[in-house]
Protein backbone atom coordinates (compact mmCIF):
# COMPACT_ATOMS: atom_id res chain seq x y z
CA PHE A 1 -151.93 -4.68 -108.13
CA GLN A 2 -152.84 -8.07 -109.95
CA THR A 3 -149.23 -8.19 -112.07
CA GLN A 4 -147.40 -8.16 -108.52
CA THR A 5 -149.75 -10.77 -107.16
CA CYS A 6 -150.80 -8.23 -104.04
CA ALA A 7 -154.37 -9.52 -104.94
CA THR A 8 -153.36 -13.03 -103.69
CA CYS A 9 -152.93 -11.88 -100.06
CA HIS A 10 -154.55 -8.51 -99.61
CA MET A 11 -158.06 -8.97 -101.50
CA GLN A 12 -161.26 -9.28 -99.45
CA GLY A 13 -162.00 -13.30 -99.39
CA SER A 14 -158.38 -14.19 -99.41
CA ALA A 15 -156.88 -16.63 -96.98
CA GLN A 16 -156.24 -13.44 -95.18
CA ILE A 17 -152.57 -13.89 -94.83
CA ALA A 18 -152.92 -10.09 -95.03
CA PRO A 19 -155.34 -7.17 -94.13
CA SER A 20 -157.76 -6.49 -96.71
CA LEU A 21 -156.62 -3.21 -98.42
CA GLU A 22 -160.00 -2.44 -99.68
CA GLY A 23 -161.18 1.00 -98.21
CA ILE A 24 -157.99 0.94 -95.72
CA PHE A 25 -156.50 4.53 -97.00
CA GLY A 26 -157.35 6.93 -94.33
CA THR A 27 -157.88 4.69 -91.62
CA GLU A 28 -156.09 4.00 -88.78
CA GLN A 29 -154.31 0.42 -88.11
CA GLU A 30 -153.26 -1.16 -84.80
CA LEU A 31 -149.73 -2.69 -85.30
CA THR A 32 -148.10 -5.66 -83.46
CA ASP A 33 -146.34 -3.31 -80.84
CA GLY A 34 -149.46 -1.96 -80.02
CA SER A 35 -148.99 1.39 -81.74
CA ARG A 36 -151.46 2.96 -84.23
CA VAL A 37 -150.66 4.05 -87.49
CA LEU A 38 -152.64 6.07 -90.19
CA VAL A 39 -152.70 4.62 -93.55
CA ASP A 40 -151.60 7.38 -96.02
CA ASP A 41 -149.08 7.61 -98.79
CA GLN A 42 -146.13 7.50 -96.83
CA TYR A 43 -147.33 4.01 -94.67
CA LEU A 44 -148.25 2.54 -98.08
CA LYS A 45 -144.55 3.30 -99.79
CA THR A 46 -143.14 2.19 -96.41
CA SER A 47 -145.37 -0.91 -96.33
CA ILE A 48 -144.34 -2.21 -99.97
CA LEU A 49 -140.50 -1.31 -99.80
CA HIS A 50 -139.98 -2.52 -95.93
CA PRO A 51 -142.73 -4.68 -94.76
CA GLU A 52 -141.13 -5.63 -91.73
CA VAL A 53 -140.93 -2.15 -90.37
CA GLN A 54 -144.71 -2.06 -89.53
CA ILE A 55 -146.55 -5.13 -89.21
CA VAL A 56 -150.41 -4.94 -88.69
CA LYS A 57 -151.54 -6.57 -85.45
CA GLY A 58 -153.46 -10.05 -86.16
CA TYR A 59 -150.82 -10.93 -89.30
CA ALA A 60 -147.32 -12.77 -89.29
CA PRO A 61 -144.47 -10.71 -91.18
CA ALA A 62 -145.33 -12.95 -94.47
CA MET A 63 -144.74 -9.85 -96.70
CA PRO A 64 -141.58 -9.63 -99.10
CA SER A 65 -140.08 -6.61 -99.78
CA PHE A 66 -140.14 -4.98 -103.45
CA ALA A 67 -137.43 -2.87 -102.70
CA GLY A 68 -135.26 -3.12 -105.94
CA LYS A 69 -138.06 -4.99 -107.52
CA LEU A 70 -140.02 -1.92 -108.27
CA ASP A 71 -139.09 1.32 -109.24
CA GLU A 72 -140.64 4.66 -108.00
CA GLU A 73 -143.09 4.92 -110.53
CA GLN A 74 -144.42 1.16 -109.94
CA VAL A 75 -144.94 1.89 -105.97
CA SER A 76 -146.37 5.31 -106.55
CA ASP A 77 -148.72 3.67 -108.86
CA LEU A 78 -149.66 0.80 -106.45
CA VAL A 79 -150.15 3.58 -103.70
CA ALA A 80 -152.69 5.47 -105.89
CA TYR A 81 -154.31 2.16 -106.92
CA ILE A 82 -155.02 1.26 -102.99
C-alpha cells in the first residue's frame, strides 16, 4: 500500500484526491453514473486494475491503472490489506 503510493491519495487526511479506504470494505459507494456498488474483493481488484470502469461520485478519474504493473499476488495482497 505504501510502496505502490496508494496512501498518497487514499489515506484519511490526504488531499482527498480519492476516497479514503479506511473501513471501506463491505460498504456501498455511489458511482458517478448514479449506480451503487458493494466494495468487495472483486470491486477492489477491478478498481486497482481498471479504475476507469467505476468511479466514485465526487472524485475525478485520476487513478492510474495498475494492470501490467502488479502481478496477481500483489493485487491480492492489496485487496487483503484494504
